[in-house]
Each structure stands twice: as C-alpha cells, then as structure tokens.
C-alpha cells in the first residue's frame, strides 16, 4: 500500500480541522435542539413510551388473571408484550429523531474514512 506524502497528509489534516471547526461554529450558532431541556424532555418521552404500554398491558393481565384464572400468568405474559411494544415504539422515535438531527447538520466538506485519518499511527 502506498503511503501518502507528507504534503498530502498535511492537506488532509488541515481539511479535517477546518471541517470540525465549521461544525462547531454551526452548532454554537444554530442550537437547533433546545439544549439540556430538549434532552431531558426527550428522555422523559422515551421513558413514558416504554412505561405506558407496559402498565396498560399489566393492568389488562391482572384483570384477565382475576376474570379467567389459568395455569399461567396473563400479567407476566402481557407485561413482557407491553414492554416489547414500548421498546419498539421508543426505538422508532429515537431513529426518527436521529434522522431529523442528521438532516439539519451541515454536510461534511471533506468526508474522511478511518484509513485517511491523519491521527492514524504508522504501521496500523
């Protein structure tokens, strides 16, 4: 494998620094996500999206256990189902938010692969 010249490495390093600086300046000016309060609110929203289906399913399971006694526990079975549904809902919301946040970021001027990184040690 051919190693890039010193001048080429410096050029790559300068572009990487310029790109990082531009992204930092954009993040300071834009503040598109509302900072700490947005993060706390989103964490609460995700938490409730898991808890609500779990509690509703457990309530239904308790009602079924009292109404129709059986050898297995409807409460446990529906609790697991509610937890699974809640986790899927949370996963969907997080992935949508991640995509929205990625779209609002400025594009990279110079996408960099790990192999091109100026911070790589020789011989890796």
Foldseek 3Di string as FASTA:
>chain_A
DDDDDPVVLVVLVVLVVVQVVVQVVCCVPCVPQVPPVSVVVLVVVLVCLQVVLLVVQLVVQVVCCVVPPDPDGSNVVSNVVSNVRSNVVSVVVVVVVVVVVVVPGDDRPDDDDPVSDSPDDPPD
